Protein backbone atom coordinates (compact mmCIF):
# COMPACT_ATOMS: atom_id res chain seq x y z
CA MET A 1 3.91 59.81 -17.87
CA LYS A 2 5.18 56.12 -17.14
CA LEU A 3 8.64 54.99 -17.05
CA GLY A 4 8.24 52.67 -19.71
CA GLU A 5 7.36 55.38 -22.20
CA ILE A 6 11.04 57.22 -21.77
CA ALA A 7 12.95 53.86 -20.89
CA ASN A 8 13.61 50.60 -21.50
CA VAL A 9 13.36 48.72 -17.91
CA SER A 10 14.86 44.82 -17.67
CA ILE A 11 15.77 42.80 -14.81
CA GLY A 12 19.17 41.32 -14.91
CA ILE A 13 19.77 37.51 -14.81
CA LEU A 14 20.16 34.97 -12.23
CA VAL A 15 24.01 34.23 -12.67
CA ASN A 16 24.09 31.08 -10.71
CA ARG A 17 21.81 29.18 -13.05
CA GLU A 18 23.80 30.34 -16.21
CA ILE A 19 27.37 29.74 -15.10
CA SER A 20 29.11 27.00 -17.32
CA GLU A 21 32.60 26.38 -17.47
CA GLU A 22 32.32 24.83 -21.05
CA GLY A 23 30.63 28.25 -21.88
CA GLU A 24 31.00 30.11 -25.11
CA HIS A 25 30.51 33.52 -23.93
CA GLU A 26 32.79 35.39 -21.03
CA TYR A 27 31.36 38.60 -18.98
CA GLN A 28 32.35 40.32 -16.18
CA ILE A 29 29.70 40.42 -13.55
CA PHE A 30 28.64 43.72 -12.19
CA ASN A 31 28.97 43.93 -8.53
CA LEU A 32 28.05 46.91 -6.07
CA LYS A 33 30.68 46.08 -3.57
CA ASN A 34 33.52 45.96 -6.27
CA TYR A 35 31.88 49.12 -7.89
CA GLU A 36 31.90 51.19 -4.50
CA GLU A 37 35.54 49.70 -3.60
CA LYS A 38 36.81 50.09 -7.19
CA ARG A 39 38.03 46.52 -7.35
CA GLU A 40 37.95 43.92 -10.21
CA TYR A 41 34.94 42.15 -11.31
CA GLU A 42 34.52 38.48 -11.39
CA THR A 43 34.47 36.74 -14.86
CA VAL A 44 32.12 34.02 -15.68
CA LYS A 45 31.25 31.83 -18.73
CA THR A 46 27.81 31.04 -20.16
CA GLN A 47 26.30 28.84 -22.75
CA LYS A 48 23.75 31.65 -23.64
CA ASP A 49 24.37 35.41 -25.16
CA PHE A 50 23.46 38.06 -22.75
CA SER A 51 24.53 41.21 -24.39
CA ASP A 52 21.22 42.59 -24.00
CA ARG A 53 21.86 42.45 -20.26
CA THR A 54 25.20 43.99 -20.35
CA THR A 55 25.68 47.73 -19.07
CA LYS A 56 26.20 50.44 -21.75
CA GLN A 57 27.10 53.90 -21.19
CA GLY A 58 23.99 56.26 -19.68
CA ASP A 59 22.28 53.13 -18.32
CA LEU A 60 20.75 53.25 -14.97
CA LEU A 61 21.06 50.24 -12.47
CA PHE A 62 18.45 50.34 -9.91
CA ARG A 63 19.08 47.98 -6.79
CA LEU A 64 15.91 46.12 -6.17
CA VAL A 65 16.51 45.13 -2.44
CA ALA A 66 16.90 47.39 0.36
CA PRO A 67 18.57 49.81 0.49
CA ASN A 68 17.44 50.98 -2.93
CA LYS A 69 20.32 52.84 -5.02
CA ILE A 70 20.36 54.07 -8.42
CA ILE A 71 23.95 53.75 -10.25
CA TYR A 72 24.77 55.89 -13.55
CA VAL A 73 26.64 53.64 -15.82
CA SER A 74 29.81 55.59 -17.09
CA LYS A 75 32.49 54.74 -19.79
CA LYS A 76 34.26 52.50 -17.17
CA GLU A 77 31.21 50.19 -16.11
CA GLU A 78 30.67 49.19 -19.66
CA ASN A 79 29.86 45.65 -20.73
CA LEU A 80 29.34 44.06 -17.23
CA LEU A 81 26.77 41.36 -16.99
CA VAL A 82 24.00 42.92 -14.86
CA PRO A 83 22.85 40.25 -12.08
CA SER A 84 19.06 39.91 -10.91
CA GLN A 85 19.38 42.14 -7.63
CA LEU A 86 19.35 44.90 -10.11
CA CYS A 87 17.43 46.29 -13.01
CA ILE A 88 18.81 47.94 -15.99
CA ILE A 89 16.97 51.27 -16.85
CA ARG A 90 18.09 52.30 -20.47
CA ALA A 91 16.65 55.70 -20.97
CA ASN A 92 15.28 56.96 -24.80
CA LYS A 93 17.98 59.85 -25.02
CA GLU A 94 15.53 61.77 -27.18
CA LYS A 95 12.64 61.93 -24.79
CA ILE A 96 14.93 62.04 -21.40
CA ASN A 97 18.33 62.73 -20.09
CA PRO A 98 19.74 59.85 -18.25
CA THR A 99 21.25 61.80 -15.77
CA PHE A 100 18.22 63.57 -15.05
CA LEU A 101 16.11 60.65 -14.86
CA LYS A 102 18.63 59.28 -12.26
CA TRP A 103 18.04 62.54 -10.26
CA TYR A 104 14.52 62.13 -10.47
CA LEU A 105 14.17 58.69 -9.44
CA GLU A 106 16.58 59.32 -6.46
């Protein structure tokens, strides 16, 4: 079974290219350091709607650069914009439990 059959996988956005001071949409950016240190996330404005690249409870964030790491998104980390260093793995909950998928991928 391939990952694409049980989950939707997408890469985050290149935030620096999308920042705009006159932006209509405002997002907080997920940052691994802020996540681990439980600090506030930086807020940016963009012209484009990136709601499909924001975190949802149950998502897995896979760090694409070494050291690789997988983060399970809880209620506290919802609605954060995912940068290009991470990919979003959104499991189909009818086919697989996201917690089990995280364990398996680790």
